[in-house]
Each structure stands twice: as C-alpha cells, then as structure tokens.
Amino acid sequence: MAKAKGDTILQALTEYDQWKETVVDLGFVPALIEYLKKLHSPLHCNRLILPGLTGSIPEKVVCAECSRPMEKFIMYRCCTD
C-alpha cells in the first residue's frame, strides 16, 4: 500500500511517464512508493483534526507522509475555514 496526501499522489500519477521504467523491475506499488519518496519535502506539515466528544482519541498518531509521531494539541475554534 502507498500513502501520501492527495495532491502528492495525483502529481505522482500525472508524472507516471517519469517513473514507469521502474514498474517493470519493482512492480507498480513499490515503484510508486519510491517516486513518492522523491516528491516528499522535509518541510511538510500535516494536520489531523479528531472530534473531541465522540469517542476516544488515540495516544499516538503517525504522520501519513513521514511516519513520525505527530504532536497532540487541543484546539478550540468557531469557524470551519
């Protein structure tokens, strides 16, 4: 399985011609993962908002892009921008 943000996956699939030769050697998903690693920026920022009143919030959540543990914050807001 490969995972990344939607715009990164879309970019990788749009640029398939740039990495299609590696599909023959690695297979589609491993080749996609390798290309996604090349697109990954160390300056990324992911945000995951979990509802606070509808169940338990996990102690540990990992980043979908770099697999590092995410910091937990409590946020109050009145708008959904």
PDB file of N, CA and C in Angstrom:
ATOM      1  N   MET A   1       0.843  -1.168   0.000  1.00  0.00           N
ATOM      2  CA  MET A   1       0.000   0.000   0.000  1.00  0.00           C
ATOM      3  C   MET A   1       0.894   1.238   0.000  1.00  0.00           C
ATOM      4  N   ALA A   2       0.514   2.235  -0.741  1.00  0.00           N
ATOM      5  CA  ALA A   2       1.206   3.515  -0.773  1.00  0.00           C
ATOM      6  C   ALA A   2       0.284   4.563  -0.169  1.00  0.00           C
ATOM      7  N   LYS A   3       0.855   5.506   0.586  1.00  0.00           N
ATOM      8  CA  LYS A   3       0.021   6.568   1.147  1.00  0.00           C
ATOM      9  C   LYS A   3       0.769   7.896   1.098  1.00  0.00           C
ATOM     10  N   ALA A   4       0.012   8.939   0.825  1.00  0.00           N
ATOM     11  CA  ALA A   4       0.531  10.307   0.771  1.00  0.00           C
ATOM     12  C   ALA A   4      -0.676  11.224   0.681  1.00  0.00           C
ATOM     13  N   LYS A   5      -0.434  12.518   0.741  1.00  0.00           N
ATOM     14  CA  LYS A   5      -1.515  13.486   0.564  1.00  0.00           C
ATOM     15  C   LYS A   5      -2.064  13.377  -0.852  1.00  0.00           C
ATOM     16  N   GLY A   6      -3.327  13.757  -1.013  1.00  0.00           N
ATOM     17  CA  GLY A   6      -3.997  13.641  -2.298  1.00  0.00           C
ATOM     18  C   GLY A   6      -3.288  14.348  -3.431  1.00  0.00           C
ATOM     19  N   ASP A   7      -2.805  15.566  -3.183  1.00  0.00           N
ATOM     20  CA  ASP A   7      -2.135  16.304  -4.256  1.00  0.00           C
ATOM     21  C   ASP A   7      -0.810  15.654  -4.635  1.00  0.00           C
ATOM     22  N   THR A   8      -0.126  15.016  -3.680  1.00  0.00           N
ATOM     23  CA  THR A   8       1.138  14.341  -3.969  1.00  0.00           C
ATOM     24  C   THR A   8       0.889  13.073  -4.781  1.00  0.00           C
ATOM     25  N   ILE A   9      -0.134  12.310  -4.408  1.00  0.00           N
ATOM     26  CA  ILE A   9      -0.493  11.111  -5.184  1.00  0.00           C
ATOM     27  C   ILE A   9      -0.889  11.497  -6.604  1.00  0.00           C
ATOM     28  N   LEU A  10      -1.697  12.542  -6.733  1.00  0.00           N
ATOM     29  CA  LEU A  10      -2.123  12.999  -8.050  1.00  0.00           C
ATOM     30  C   LEU A  10      -0.927  13.418  -8.896  1.00  0.00           C
ATOM     31  N   GLN A  11       0.024  14.126  -8.298  1.00  0.00           N
ATOM     32  CA  GLN A  11       1.227  14.535  -9.015  1.00  0.00           C
ATOM     33  C   GLN A  11       2.016  13.311  -9.479  1.00  0.00           C
ATOM     34  N   ALA A  12       2.173  12.325  -8.600  1.00  0.00           N
ATOM     35  CA  ALA A  12       2.918  11.113  -8.959  1.00  0.00           C
ATOM     36  C   ALA A  12       2.251  10.378 -10.115  1.00  0.00           C
ATOM     37  N   LEU A  13       0.936  10.251 -10.070  1.00  0.00           N
ATOM     38  CA  LEU A  13       0.236   9.550 -11.139  1.00  0.00           C
ATOM     39  C   LEU A  13       0.253  10.342 -12.446  1.00  0.00           C
ATOM     40  N   THR A  14       0.188  11.656 -12.348  1.00  0.00           N
ATOM     41  CA  THR A  14       0.266  12.506 -13.535  1.00  0.00           C
ATOM     42  C   THR A  14       1.642  12.401 -14.188  1.00  0.00           C
ATOM     43  N   GLU A  15       2.678  12.234 -13.365  1.00  0.00           N
ATOM     44  CA  GLU A  15       4.057  12.151 -13.852  1.00  0.00           C
ATOM     45  C   GLU A  15       4.506  10.697 -14.048  1.00  0.00           C
ATOM     46  N   TYR A  16       3.576   9.811 -14.290  1.00  0.00           N
ATOM     47  CA  TYR A  16       3.871   8.381 -14.440  1.00  0.00           C
ATOM     48  C   TYR A  16       4.958   8.108 -15.480  1.00  0.00           C
ATOM     49  N   ASP A  17       4.982   8.868 -16.553  1.00  0.00           N
ATOM     50  CA  ASP A  17       5.986   8.654 -17.603  1.00  0.00           C
ATOM     51  C   ASP A  17       7.410   8.785 -17.072  1.00  0.00           C
ATOM     52  N   GLN A  18       7.601   9.536 -15.995  1.00  0.00           N
ATOM     53  CA  GLN A  18       8.943   9.735 -15.438  1.00  0.00           C
ATOM     54  C   GLN A  18       9.433   8.539 -14.629  1.00  0.00           C
ATOM     55  N   TRP A  19       8.541   7.676 -14.154  1.00  0.00           N
ATOM     56  CA  TRP A  19       8.959   6.550 -13.322  1.00  0.00           C
ATOM     57  C   TRP A  19       8.434   5.198 -13.790  1.00  0.00           C
ATOM     58  N   LYS A  20       7.842   5.156 -14.995  1.00  0.00           N
ATOM     59  CA  LYS A  20       7.231   3.912 -15.465  1.00  0.00           C
ATOM     60  C   LYS A  20       8.247   2.804 -15.729  1.00  0.00           C
ATOM     61  N   GLU A  21       9.504   3.135 -16.013  1.00  0.00           N
ATOM     62  CA  GLU A  21      10.519   2.108 -16.239  1.00  0.00           C
ATOM     63  C   GLU A  21      10.787   1.290 -14.970  1.00  0.00           C
ATOM     64  N   THR A  22      10.658   1.915 -13.801  1.00  0.00           N
ATOM     65  CA  THR A  22      10.909   1.195 -12.547  1.00  0.00           C
ATOM     66  C   THR A  22       9.784   0.231 -12.203  1.00  0.00           C
ATOM     67  N   VAL A  23       8.613   0.401 -12.823  1.00  0.00           N
ATOM     68  CA  VAL A  23       7.485  -0.503 -12.577  1.00  0.00           C
ATOM     69  C   VAL A  23       7.830  -1.914 -13.046  1.00  0.00           C
ATOM     70  N   VAL A  24       8.562  -2.026 -14.151  1.00  0.00           N
ATOM     71  CA  VAL A  24       8.941  -3.335 -14.687  1.00  0.00           C
ATOM     72  C   VAL A  24       9.801  -4.093 -13.669  1.00  0.00           C
ATOM     73  N   ASP A  25      10.738  -3.404 -13.028  1.00  0.00           N
ATOM     74  CA  ASP A  25      11.655  -4.046 -12.082  1.00  0.00           C
ATOM     75  C   ASP A  25      11.042  -4.245 -10.698  1.00  0.00           C
ATOM     76  N   LEU A  26      10.330  -3.240 -10.206  1.00  0.00           N
ATOM     77  CA  LEU A  26       9.853  -3.269  -8.820  1.00  0.00           C
ATOM     78  C   LEU A  26       8.397  -3.695  -8.676  1.00  0.00           C
ATOM     79  N   GLY A  27       7.593  -3.443  -9.678  1.00  0.00           N
ATOM     80  CA  GLY A  27       6.150  -3.586  -9.560  1.00  0.00           C
ATOM     81  C   GLY A  27       5.544  -2.204  -9.356  1.00  0.00           C
ATOM     82  N   PHE A  28       4.230  -2.083  -9.592  1.00  0.00           N
ATOM     83  CA  PHE A  28       3.609  -0.753  -9.583  1.00  0.00           C
ATOM     84  C   PHE A  28       3.659  -0.070  -8.220  1.00  0.00           C
ATOM     85  N   VAL A  29       3.185  -0.735  -7.175  1.00  0.00           N
ATOM     86  CA  VAL A  29       3.116  -0.081  -5.862  1.00  0.00           C
ATOM     87  C   VAL A  29       4.508   0.253  -5.320  1.00  0.00           C
ATOM     88  N   PRO A  30       5.491  -0.667  -5.341  1.00  0.00           N
ATOM     89  CA  PRO A  30       6.832  -0.289  -4.870  1.00  0.00           C
ATOM     90  C   PRO A  30       7.449   0.860  -5.681  1.00  0.00           C
ATOM     91  N   ALA A  31       7.208   0.877  -6.990  1.00  0.00           N
ATOM     92  CA  ALA A  31       7.723   1.974  -7.814  1.00  0.00           C
ATOM     93  C   ALA A  31       7.042   3.290  -7.454  1.00  0.00           C
ATOM     94  N   LEU A  32       5.739   3.228  -7.195  1.00  0.00           N
ATOM     95  CA  LEU A  32       5.009   4.424  -6.770  1.00  0.00           C
ATOM     96  C   LEU A  32       5.555   4.939  -5.440  1.00  0.00           C
ATOM     97  N   ILE A  33       5.799   4.038  -4.495  1.00  0.00           N
ATOM     98  CA  ILE A  33       6.336   4.436  -3.189  1.00  0.00           C
ATOM     99  C   ILE A  33       7.699   5.107  -3.357  1.00  0.00           C
ATOM    100  N   GLU A  34       8.553   4.556  -4.199  1.00  0.00           N
ATOM    101  CA  GLU A  34       9.876   5.155  -4.435  1.00  0.00           C
ATOM    102  C   GLU A  34       9.739   6.554  -5.031  1.00  0.00           C
ATOM    103  N   TYR A  35       8.817   6.737  -5.964  1.00  0.00           N
ATOM    104  CA  TYR A  35       8.633   8.058  -6.559  1.00  0.00           C
ATOM    105  C   TYR A  35       8.052   9.042  -5.547  1.00  0.00           C
ATOM    106  N   LEU A  36       7.137   8.570  -4.709  1.00  0.00           N
ATOM    107  CA  LEU A  36       6.576   9.439  -3.675  1.00  0.00           C
ATOM    108  C   LEU A  36       7.659   9.903  -2.703  1.00  0.00           C
ATOM    109  N   LYS A  37       8.617   9.030  -2.404  1.00  0.00           N
ATOM    110  CA  LYS A  37       9.734   9.427  -1.533  1.00  0.00           C
ATOM    111  C   LYS A  37      10.535  10.559  -2.154  1.00  0.00           C
ATOM    112  N   LYS A  38      10.682  10.544  -3.482  1.00  0.00           N
ATOM    113  CA  LYS A  38      11.396  11.625  -4.171  1.00  0.00           C
ATOM    114  C   LYS A  38      10.616  12.934  -4.122  1.00  0.00           C
ATOM    115  N   LEU A  39       9.290  12.843  -4.114  1.00  0.00           N
ATOM    116  CA  LEU A  39       8.450  14.047  -4.068  1.00  0.00           C
ATOM    117  C   LEU A  39       8.305  14.600  -2.656  1.00  0.00           C
ATOM    118  N   HIS A  40       8.608  13.774  -1.653  1.00  0.00           N
ATOM    119  CA  HIS A  40       8.428  14.173  -0.257  1.00  0.00           C
ATOM    120  C   HIS A  40       9.335  15.350   0.091  1.00  0.00           C
ATOM    121  N   SER A  41       8.772  16.336   0.730  1.00  0.00           N
ATOM    122  CA  SER A  41       9.510  17.507   1.186  1.00  0.00           C
ATOM    123  C   SER A  41       9.680  17.430   2.697  1.00  0.00           C
ATOM    124  N   PRO A  42      10.888  17.677   3.206  1.00  0.00           N
ATOM    125  CA  PRO A  42      11.065  17.663   4.663  1.00  0.00           C
ATOM    126  C   PRO A  42      10.334  18.819   5.345  1.00  0.00           C
ATOM    127  N   LEU A  43       9.820  19.760   4.574  1.00  0.00           N
ATOM    128  CA  LEU A  43       9.124  20.917   5.128  1.00  0.00           C
ATOM    129  C   LEU A  43       7.617  20.727   5.088  1.00  0.00           C
ATOM    130  N   HIS A  44       7.152  19.487   5.089  1.00  0.00           N
ATOM    131  CA  HIS A  44       5.721  19.228   5.042  1.00  0.00           C
ATOM    132  C   HIS A  44       5.077  19.531   6.396  1.00  0.00           C
ATOM    133  N   CYS A  45       3.801  19.676   6.376  1.00  0.00           N
ATOM    134  CA  CYS A  45       3.062  19.867   7.622  1.00  0.00           C
ATOM    135  C   CYS A  45       1.713  19.195   7.455  1.00  0.00           C
ATOM    136  N   ASN A  46       1.445  18.218   8.271  1.00  0.00           N
ATOM    137  CA  ASN A  46       0.150  17.544   8.234  1.00  0.00           C
ATOM    138  C   ASN A  46      -0.663  17.948   9.439  1.00  0.00           C
ATOM    139  N   ARG A  47      -1.964  17.997   9.260  1.00  0.00           N
ATOM    140  CA  ARG A  47      -2.867  18.328  10.354  1.00  0.00           C
ATOM    141  C   ARG A  47      -4.014  17.343  10.311  1.00  0.00           C
ATOM    142  N   LEU A  48      -4.328  16.787  11.449  1.00  0.00           N
ATOM    143  CA  LEU A  48      -5.413  15.834  11.575  1.00  0.00           C
ATOM    144  C   LEU A  48      -6.300  16.321  12.703  1.00  0.00           C
ATOM    145  N   ILE A  49      -7.559  16.595  12.416  1.00  0.00           N
ATOM    146  CA  ILE A  49      -8.480  17.076  13.436  1.00  0.00           C
ATOM    147  C   ILE A  49      -9.423  15.944  13.797  1.00  0.00           C
ATOM    148  N   LEU A  50      -9.374  15.535  15.059  1.00  0.00           N
ATOM    149  CA  LEU A  50     -10.234  14.468  15.554  1.00  0.00           C
ATOM    150  C   LEU A  50     -11.346  15.080  16.394  1.00  0.00           C
ATOM    151  N   PRO A  51     -12.562  14.579  16.274  1.00  0.00           N
ATOM    152  CA  PRO A  51     -13.641  15.120  17.100  1.00  0.00           C
ATOM    153  C   PRO A  51     -13.390  14.798  18.570  1.00  0.00           C
ATOM    154  N   GLY A  52     -13.628  15.765  19.442  1.00  0.00           N
ATOM    155  CA  GLY A  52     -13.304  15.596  20.849  1.00  0.00           C
ATOM    156  C   GLY A  52     -14.367  14.935  21.689  1.00  0.00           C
ATOM    157  N   LEU A  53     -15.593  14.878  21.242  1.00  0.00           N
ATOM    158  CA  LEU A  53     -16.662  14.390  22.100  1.00  0.00           C
ATOM    159  C   LEU A  53     -17.300  13.085  21.630  1.00  0.00           C
ATOM    160  N   THR A  54     -16.818  12.513  20.550  1.00  0.00           N
ATOM    161  CA  THR A  54     -17.494  11.345  20.001  1.00  0.00           C
ATOM    162  C   THR A  54     -16.735  10.045  20.225  1.00  0.00           C
ATOM    163  N   GLY A  55     -15.785  10.019  21.119  1.00  0.00           N
ATOM    164  CA  GLY A  55     -15.042   8.787  21.361  1.00  0.00           C
ATOM    165  C   GLY A  55     -13.659   9.074  21.885  1.00  0.00           C
ATOM    166  N   SER A  56     -12.860   8.040  21.962  1.00  0.00           N
ATOM    167  CA  SER A  56     -11.510   8.215  22.490  1.00  0.00           C
ATOM    168  C   SER A  56     -10.567   8.707  21.402  1.00  0.00           C
ATOM    169  N   ILE A  57      -9.596   9.490  21.804  1.00  0.00           N
ATOM    170  CA  ILE A  57      -8.575   9.993  20.901  1.00  0.00           C
ATOM    171  C   ILE A  57      -7.319   9.159  21.135  1.00  0.00           C
ATOM    172  N   PRO A  58      -6.732   8.598  20.081  1.00  0.00           N
ATOM    173  CA  PRO A  58      -5.564   7.743  20.273  1.00  0.00           C
ATOM    174  C   PRO A  58      -4.389   8.506  20.874  1.00  0.00           C
ATOM    175  N   GLU A  59      -3.594   7.813  21.679  1.00  0.00           N
ATOM    176  CA  GLU A  59      -2.408   8.432  22.284  1.00  0.00           C
ATOM    177  C   GLU A  59      -1.348   8.742  21.243  1.00  0.00           C
ATOM    178  N   LYS A  60      -1.227   7.890  20.227  1.00  0.00           N
ATOM    179  CA  LYS A  60      -0.184   8.068  19.222  1.00  0.00           C
ATOM    180  C   LYS A  60      -0.802   8.028  17.831  1.00  0.00           C
ATOM    181  N   VAL A  61      -0.510   9.046  17.024  1.00  0.00           N
ATOM    182  CA  VAL A  61      -0.918   9.104  15.629  1.00  0.00           C
ATOM    183  C   VAL A  61       0.330   9.412  14.826  1.00  0.00           C
ATOM    184  N   VAL A  62       0.570   8.673  13.752  1.00  0.00           N
ATOM    185  CA  VAL A  62       1.768   8.903  12.948  1.00  0.00           C
ATOM    186  C   VAL A  62       1.425   9.681  11.689  1.00  0.00           C
ATOM    187  N   CYS A  63       2.388  10.459  11.227  1.00  0.00           N
ATOM    188  CA  CYS A  63       2.245  11.261  10.008  1.00  0.00           C
ATOM    189  C   CYS A  63       2.092  10.333   8.805  1.00  0.00           C
ATOM    190  N   ALA A  64       1.163  10.640   7.920  1.00  0.00           N
ATOM    191  CA  ALA A  64       0.929   9.825   6.732  1.00  0.00           C
ATOM    192  C   ALA A  64       2.081   9.920   5.743  1.00  0.00           C
ATOM    193  N   GLU A  65       2.876  10.981   5.806  1.00  0.00           N
ATOM    194  CA  GLU A  65       3.952  11.157   4.837  1.00  0.00           C
ATOM    195  C   GLU A  65       5.295  10.662   5.331  1.00  0.00           C
ATOM    196  N   CYS A  66       5.649  10.943   6.597  1.00  0.00           N
ATOM    197  CA  CYS A  66       6.999  10.598   7.057  1.00  0.00           C
ATOM    198  C   CYS A  66       7.007   9.536   8.153  1.00  0.00           C
ATOM    199  N   SER A  67       5.845   9.121   8.616  1.00  0.00           N
ATOM    200  CA  SER A  67       5.676   8.081   9.640  1.00  0.00           C
ATOM    201  C   SER A  67       6.236   8.452  11.007  1.00  0.00           C
ATOM    202  N   ARG A  68       6.497   9.731  11.234  1.00  0.00           N
ATOM    203  CA  ARG A  68       6.923  10.169  12.568  1.00  0.00           C
ATOM    204  C   ARG A  68       5.700  10.428  13.426  1.00  0.00           C
ATOM    205  N   PRO A  69       5.835  10.270  14.745  1.00  0.00           N
ATOM    206  CA  PRO A  69       4.699  10.569  15.626  1.00  0.00           C
ATOM    207  C   PRO A  69       4.322  12.047  15.534  1.00  0.00           C
ATOM    208  N   MET A  70       3.028  12.315  15.528  1.00  0.00           N
ATOM    209  CA  MET A  70       2.553  13.699  15.481  1.00  0.00           C
ATOM    210  C   MET A  70       2.361  14.209  16.905  1.00  0.00           C
ATOM    211  N   GLU A  71       2.554  15.507  17.104  1.00  0.00           N
ATOM    212  CA  GLU A  71       2.304  16.122  18.405  1.00  0.00           C
ATOM    213  C   GLU A  71       0.800  16.279  18.599  1.00  0.00           C
ATOM    214  N   LYS A  72       0.358  16.182  19.836  1.00  0.00           N
ATOM    215  CA  LYS A  72      -1.065  16.317  20.133  1.00  0.00           C
ATOM    216  C   LYS A  72      -1.320  17.716  20.709  1.00  0.00           C
ATOM    217  N   PHE A  73      -2.293  18.406  20.149  1.00  0.00           N
ATOM    218  CA  PHE A  73      -2.700  19.717  20.613  1.00  0.00           C
ATOM    219  C   PHE A  73      -4.206  19.723  20.822  1.00  0.00           C
ATOM    220  N   ILE A  74      -4.677  20.623  21.648  1.00  0.00           N
ATOM    221  CA  ILE A  74      -6.111  20.841  21.801  1.00  0.00           C
ATOM    222  C   ILE A  74      -6.421  22.175  21.139  1.00  0.00           C
ATOM    223  N   MET A  75      -7.428  22.183  20.268  1.00  0.00           N
ATOM    224  CA  MET A  75      -7.752  23.398  19.544  1.00  0.00           C
ATOM    225  C   MET A  75      -9.233  23.723  19.723  1.00  0.00           C
ATOM    226  N   TYR A  76      -9.518  24.965  19.968  1.00  0.00           N
ATOM    227  CA  TYR A  76     -10.897  25.453  20.011  1.00  0.00           C
ATOM    228  C   TYR A  76     -11.062  26.400  18.842  1.00  0.00           C
ATOM    229  N   ARG A  77     -12.179  26.282  18.134  1.00  0.00           N
ATOM    230  CA  ARG A  77     -12.441  27.198  17.029  1.00  0.00           C
ATOM    231  C   ARG A  77     -13.928  27.312  16.805  1.00  0.00           C
ATOM    232  N   CYS A  78     -14.334  28.436  16.217  1.00  0.00           N
ATOM    233  CA  CYS A  78     -15.744  28.645  15.950  1.00  0.00           C
ATOM    234  C   CYS A  78     -16.060  28.554  14.465  1.00  0.00           C
ATOM    235  N   CYS A  79     -15.063  28.605  13.631  1.00  0.00           N
ATOM    236  CA  CYS A  79     -15.272  28.566  12.183  1.00  0.00           C
ATOM    237  C   CYS A  79     -14.631  27.299  11.603  1.00  0.00           C
ATOM    238  N   THR A  80     -15.059  26.931  10.427  1.00  0.00           N
ATOM    239  CA  THR A  80     -14.518  25.717   9.824  1.00  0.00           C
ATOM    240  C   THR A  80     -13.664  26.031   8.599  1.00  0.00           C
ATOM    241  N   ASP A  81     -12.943  27.173   8.607  1.00  0.00           N
ATOM    242  CA  ASP A  81     -12.125  27.501   7.432  1.00  0.00           C
ATOM    243  C   ASP A  81     -10.985  26.569   7.299  1.00  0.00           C
TER     244      ASP A  81
END
